[in-house]
Structure formats: structure tokens, C-alpha cells
Protein backbone atom coordinates (compact mmCIF):
# COMPACT_ATOMS: atom_id res chain seq x y z
CA MET A 1 5.37 -12.36 30.54
CA GLY A 2 4.49 -10.65 27.29
CA LYS A 3 1.79 -11.85 24.93
CA LEU A 4 4.31 -12.26 22.12
CA ASP A 5 7.31 -13.66 23.97
CA GLY A 6 9.55 -15.61 21.61
CA ARG A 7 7.75 -14.54 18.46
CA VAL A 8 9.17 -12.73 15.44
CA VAL A 9 6.84 -10.47 13.47
CA LEU A 10 7.34 -8.56 10.23
CA ILE A 11 5.35 -5.32 9.92
CA SER A 12 5.09 -3.34 6.69
CA GLY A 13 4.56 0.41 6.72
CA ALA A 14 6.10 0.51 10.18
CA ALA A 15 7.90 3.85 10.04
CA ARG A 16 4.92 5.83 11.30
CA GLY A 17 1.22 5.71 12.15
CA GLN A 18 -0.42 2.39 12.90
CA GLY A 19 2.59 0.37 11.81
CA GLU A 20 4.89 2.23 14.19
CA ALA A 21 2.42 1.80 17.04
CA GLU A 22 2.19 -1.92 16.30
CA ALA A 23 5.96 -2.33 16.20
CA ARG A 24 6.42 -0.57 19.53
CA LEU A 25 3.60 -2.48 21.22
CA PHE A 26 4.68 -5.86 19.87
CA ALA A 27 8.22 -5.31 21.09
CA ALA A 28 6.90 -4.26 24.50
CA GLU A 29 4.96 -7.53 24.57
CA GLY A 30 8.11 -9.57 23.99
CA ALA A 31 8.31 -9.89 20.21
CA GLN A 32 11.28 -9.31 17.98
CA VAL A 33 10.13 -7.13 15.12
CA VAL A 34 11.24 -6.36 11.58
CA LEU A 35 10.04 -2.97 10.42
CA GLY A 36 9.60 -2.52 6.69
CA ASP A 37 8.97 0.79 4.95
CA VAL A 38 10.15 3.13 2.22
CA LEU A 39 10.61 5.96 4.72
CA ASP A 40 14.12 4.91 5.65
CA GLU A 41 15.09 7.72 8.02
CA ALA A 42 11.89 7.43 10.05
CA GLY A 43 11.95 3.63 10.01
CA GLU A 44 15.55 3.42 11.18
CA ARG A 45 14.78 5.89 13.97
CA VAL A 46 11.88 3.81 15.24
CA ALA A 47 13.93 0.61 15.12
CA ASP A 48 16.80 2.31 16.99
CA GLU A 49 14.40 3.54 19.66
CA ILE A 50 12.90 0.08 20.12
CA GLY A 51 16.40 -1.37 20.52
CA LYS A 52 17.96 -4.78 20.00
CA ALA A 53 14.60 -6.46 19.46
CA ALA A 54 14.05 -4.52 16.21
CA ARG A 55 15.52 -4.39 12.73
CA TYR A 56 14.64 -2.04 9.90
CA VAL A 57 14.57 -2.98 6.22
CA HIS A 58 13.75 -0.89 3.16
CA LEU A 59 10.58 -2.47 1.82
CA ASP A 60 8.60 -1.38 -1.20
CA VAL A 61 5.61 -3.69 -0.87
CA ARG A 62 5.15 -3.73 -4.64
CA SER A 63 8.49 -5.53 -5.00
CA GLU A 64 8.86 -9.31 -4.84
CA GLU A 65 12.57 -8.86 -4.19
CA GLY A 66 11.81 -6.41 -1.39
CA TRP A 67 9.60 -8.94 0.35
CA SER A 68 12.16 -11.70 -0.07
CA GLY A 69 14.79 -9.46 1.48
CA ALA A 70 12.58 -8.61 4.44
CA VAL A 71 11.89 -12.27 5.18
CA GLU A 72 15.58 -13.12 4.80
CA LEU A 73 16.50 -10.36 7.26
CA ALA A 74 14.03 -11.70 9.82
CA LEU A 75 15.45 -15.21 9.51
CA ALA A 76 19.06 -14.04 9.57
CA SER A 77 18.53 -11.72 12.54
CA PHE A 78 16.17 -13.74 14.70
CA GLY A 79 16.20 -17.28 13.31
CA ARG A 80 12.52 -17.58 12.54
CA LEU A 81 9.37 -15.75 11.48
CA ASP A 82 6.02 -16.21 13.21
CA GLY A 83 3.83 -13.39 12.00
CA LEU A 84 3.13 -10.71 9.44
CA VAL A 85 1.15 -7.50 9.68
CA ASN A 86 0.38 -6.22 6.20
CA ASN A 87 -0.02 -2.61 7.27
CA ALA A 88 1.44 -0.55 4.40
CA GLY A 89 -1.05 1.42 2.34
CA ILE A 90 -1.68 4.68 0.54
CA LEU A 91 -4.73 6.90 0.18
CA ARG A 92 -5.70 9.04 -2.79
CA PHE A 93 -8.73 11.33 -2.72
CA GLY A 94 -10.73 12.10 -5.87
CA LEU A 95 -14.07 11.53 -7.56
CA ILE A 96 -14.38 8.79 -10.19
CA GLY A 97 -14.38 11.26 -13.06
CA ASP A 98 -11.17 12.85 -11.81
CA CYS A 99 -9.27 9.64 -11.10
CA SER A 100 -6.65 8.72 -13.69
CA LEU A 101 -5.78 5.12 -14.46
CA ARG A 102 -2.28 5.79 -13.18
CA ASP A 103 -3.56 7.03 -9.81
CA TYR A 104 -5.99 4.12 -9.55
CA MET A 105 -3.34 1.52 -10.28
CA GLU A 106 -0.87 3.10 -7.87
CA VAL A 107 -3.30 2.49 -5.02
CA VAL A 108 -4.02 -1.05 -6.23
CA GLU A 109 -0.33 -1.91 -6.48
CA VAL A 110 0.49 -0.76 -2.96
CA ASN A 111 -2.65 -1.71 -1.06
CA GLN A 112 -3.77 -4.87 -2.82
CA VAL A 113 -0.78 -6.31 -4.66
CA GLY A 114 1.40 -5.52 -1.65
CA VAL A 115 -0.82 -7.66 0.58
CA PHE A 116 -0.71 -10.53 -1.92
CA LEU A 117 3.06 -10.40 -2.19
CA GLY A 118 3.47 -10.16 1.57
CA MET A 119 1.30 -13.18 2.29
CA ARG A 120 2.99 -15.24 -0.39
CA ALA A 121 6.47 -14.29 0.80
CA VAL A 122 5.99 -15.37 4.42
CA ILE A 123 4.21 -18.69 3.88
CA PRO A 124 7.36 -20.87 3.80
CA ALA A 125 8.84 -19.30 6.94
CA LEU A 126 5.57 -19.43 8.87
CA THR A 127 5.07 -23.04 7.83
CA ASP A 128 8.61 -23.91 8.96
CA ALA A 129 7.84 -22.27 12.31
CA GLY A 130 4.91 -24.63 12.78
CA GLY A 131 2.27 -22.02 11.99
CA GLY A 132 1.75 -18.35 12.58
CA THR A 133 -0.44 -15.34 11.98
CA ILE A 134 -1.13 -12.90 9.18
CA VAL A 135 -3.01 -9.68 9.83
CA ASN A 136 -4.10 -7.84 6.69
CA THR A 137 -5.07 -4.21 7.18
CA SER A 138 -8.36 -3.47 5.45
CA SER A 139 -10.53 -0.55 6.56
CA VAL A 140 -14.07 0.55 7.23
CA SER A 141 -13.76 1.47 3.55
CA GLY A 142 -13.66 -2.27 2.98
CA LEU A 143 -17.08 -2.56 4.60
CA VAL A 144 -18.97 0.48 3.28
CA GLY A 145 -18.58 2.75 0.29
CA MET A 146 -17.12 6.24 0.65
CA PRO A 147 -17.38 8.93 -2.05
CA GLY A 148 -14.03 10.14 -3.33
CA LEU A 149 -12.22 6.93 -2.40
CA LEU A 150 -12.92 4.60 -5.32
CA ALA A 151 -9.49 3.01 -5.63
CA TYR A 152 -8.89 2.85 -1.89
CA THR A 153 -12.31 1.31 -1.25
CA ALA A 154 -11.81 -1.24 -4.03
CA THR A 155 -8.53 -2.40 -2.53
CA LYS A 156 -9.86 -2.62 1.00
CA PHE A 157 -12.85 -4.70 -0.10
CA ALA A 158 -10.41 -6.92 -2.01
CA ILE A 159 -8.25 -7.43 1.06
CA ARG A 160 -11.23 -8.87 2.95
CA GLY A 161 -11.80 -11.43 0.21
CA MET A 162 -8.12 -12.26 -0.06
CA THR A 163 -8.02 -12.78 3.69
CA LYS A 164 -10.83 -15.33 3.57
CA VAL A 165 -9.21 -17.31 0.76
CA ALA A 166 -5.84 -17.27 2.51
CA ALA A 167 -7.41 -18.44 5.76
CA MET A 168 -9.00 -21.39 3.98
CA GLU A 169 -5.78 -22.35 2.21
CA LEU A 170 -3.39 -21.84 5.12
CA GLY A 171 -5.43 -23.06 8.07
CA PRO A 172 -4.32 -26.69 7.55
CA VAL A 173 -0.68 -25.67 8.11
CA GLY A 174 -1.51 -23.68 11.23
CA ILE A 175 -1.49 -20.18 9.78
CA ARG A 176 -4.34 -17.91 10.85
CA VAL A 177 -5.27 -14.99 8.60
CA ASN A 178 -7.54 -12.13 9.65
CA ALA A 179 -8.43 -8.67 8.42
CA LEU A 180 -8.17 -5.57 10.59
CA CYS A 181 -10.61 -2.79 9.67
CA PRO A 182 -9.73 0.56 11.26
CA GLY A 183 -11.79 3.66 10.67
CA GLY A 184 -11.63 7.23 11.87
CA VAL A 185 -8.06 6.91 13.11
CA LYS A 186 -5.65 9.83 13.21
CA THR A 187 -2.47 8.93 11.31
CA PRO A 188 -0.18 10.80 8.90
CA MET A 189 -1.94 9.03 6.01
CA THR A 190 -5.52 9.85 6.95
CA HIS A 191 -4.72 13.34 8.28
CA PRO A 192 -1.92 14.70 6.11
CA GLU A 193 -0.37 18.14 6.37
CA GLU A 194 -2.93 19.75 4.09
CA THR A 195 -5.81 18.83 6.41
CA ARG A 196 -4.12 19.82 9.66
CA GLY A 197 -6.08 23.04 9.95
CA LEU A 198 -9.34 21.10 9.85
CA VAL A 199 -8.52 18.97 12.86
CA ASP A 200 -9.15 20.67 16.17
CA ASP A 201 -7.13 20.19 19.34
CA GLY A 202 -9.64 17.61 20.53
CA GLY A 203 -8.71 15.47 17.55
CA GLY A 204 -11.92 15.49 15.58
CA LEU A 205 -13.80 16.81 12.60
CA SER A 206 -17.58 16.88 12.87
CA VAL A 207 -17.73 13.44 11.25
CA TYR A 208 -15.84 12.02 14.22
CA ARG A 209 -17.89 13.90 16.78
CA ASP A 210 -20.97 12.28 15.26
CA LEU A 211 -19.64 8.77 15.86
CA PRO A 212 -21.10 6.79 18.78
CA LEU A 213 -17.83 7.26 20.69
CA GLY A 214 -17.69 10.92 19.69
CA ARG A 215 -13.99 11.17 18.89
CA ILE A 216 -11.24 10.23 16.48
CA GLY A 217 -9.29 7.05 17.12
CA ARG A 218 -5.59 6.73 17.89
CA ALA A 219 -3.00 4.46 16.35
CA HIS A 220 -2.29 2.67 19.63
CA GLU A 221 -5.92 1.59 19.82
CA VAL A 222 -5.62 -0.16 16.46
CA ALA A 223 -2.31 -1.67 17.54
CA GLN A 224 -4.05 -3.32 20.48
CA LEU A 225 -6.39 -5.11 18.09
CA ALA A 226 -3.45 -6.16 15.89
CA LEU A 227 -1.80 -7.53 19.03
CA PHE A 228 -4.90 -9.60 19.81
CA LEU A 229 -4.93 -11.06 16.30
CA THR A 230 -1.20 -11.85 16.45
CA SER A 231 -1.28 -13.41 19.91
CA ALA A 232 -2.66 -16.68 21.24
CA ASP A 233 -5.65 -14.74 22.60
CA SER A 234 -7.22 -15.09 19.13
CA SER A 235 -6.27 -18.75 18.67
CA TYR A 236 -9.68 -19.74 17.22
CA CYS A 237 -10.08 -16.69 14.97
CA THR A 238 -9.34 -16.87 11.27
CA GLY A 239 -10.81 -15.70 7.98
CA THR A 240 -12.82 -12.80 9.32
CA GLU A 241 -12.83 -9.05 9.95
CA PHE A 242 -12.22 -7.18 13.18
CA VAL A 243 -13.36 -3.57 13.28
CA ALA A 244 -11.97 -0.64 15.28
CA ASP A 245 -13.96 2.37 14.13
CA GLY A 246 -15.55 4.09 17.11
CA GLY A 247 -18.94 2.92 15.86
CA TRP A 248 -18.54 4.35 12.33
CA THR A 249 -20.20 1.37 10.64
CA ALA A 250 -22.96 1.25 13.25
CA GLY A 251 -24.29 4.60 12.02
CA PRO A 252 -24.24 8.24 13.11
CA VAL A 253 -25.56 9.41 16.42
CA ILE A 254 -28.81 11.31 15.99
CA LYS A 255 -28.73 14.49 18.03
């Protein structure tokens, strides 16, 4: 038996990276999954590879209509909705003095507003299902400051607070809400094409080699934590943060 047998889960940003890994793992654990993304070709490919347990939907997380459509597809395809993983996000590098208002707000709209809209959109369906789970993807940047990531850090701190409020409001109807805080994970977002030459074959810059675990993380390792938070294994967990960062927030190893 799988840990998610009989459950239906909507995952945003599921065309690649952590979202793709979560979709594949959840399906392998018995779930039916709806993959939302703006990368239609990649998202459709992943859904096709997963098979009949998966559907793909174009989802711009900044759009109320997009979220409504994703929930409607889940209900029409699988008859219910039991969980949400708010995974979609963007990253923009730049010092405060170089960050335009437009760039700042773009990150806020995707990372923070997208999480708000996603949670709000699934509440009726999760309530009708008798309860469910919401996993909001924060970051180690939601726990500590990082130079050059003002907007990203602001949104990830905000997601932690939003998660706590949602957990308090939704607990009485059986909906658990937790924040997932990855850090030092190799994905297309955190290691884009322009940084490829900096990442060695072992998968790590010096910053990762200085972590307690001494290496960069992989998307499937984050997906395992998302699985825990979506399954009954975490039945008494709500309103808090779960970190997968190779020891990043513990501090550097002194050599």
C-alpha cells in the first residue's frame, strides 16, 4: 500500500524541479495528482510519463481564475481534492540598491500572493473531503537573511507567517497546514543555465561543501519531506516549519 492511496493532490510548479519530484513520488505512493505550471510542454510531458493518475493544467499562480480552473479539473477528473503543495516560486538575484519595484513585486506576486490564492482556492474542496493538507514551500531564506535576495527572502518569511495563521483557522475543519523549508537544493531555479559552470560534477559549490552534510541537496530529498507532510505520518503536525537544508541553518563546518 502507498502512503497516499486514494488521495488527490494539486501541486503548483510541477513541471520541473521539486514540484516534478513531488508529483512523481506522490503518484508512486498511490495519489492522483494534478500538476499546475506555466511551462506547458514540460508539464504535459511529466503528466504523460506519470500516466492515468496525473493531469496537467496551465496554472499561473497569480491568477484567481487559474486556481479555480485547477481545482475544477481535480474535481472533474478525480472526484475530490485532498491536498495542495504550494510549490511554485521564482528567484531574482540583486542587491537592494539594484532591485526595481517591478522586480520586487514580481517575486511577491508569484511567491507570496500565489500561496495565498492557492490556499484560498482549495479550502472548499478540502473541507468537503473531510479535511486535508496544505504544504507551503518556504525556504531557508525564510529562516535567515541572505544578501542579494531581498524580495525572495521577504516572501519566504511571509509564507511561514501565513502558514501559521492558516493552520489556526483551518485546523477546526481538519485541514493541516505546514511550511517546507528547503535549502541548498539543486533545481533549475536555484542553479540556472548561467551558473552551470560553477557547479562541479559532484554537485556542489564551496558553500555546499561547507555544510554539515558536505553536499548539495536533490529534489527527491525535498519531495520525501513533502510526502511526510501530506501523508498520515504527520497527522499531529500543523502550523510549523520543516527544514531540509543539509545543516545550512545549523552553521558552517569549521575546518
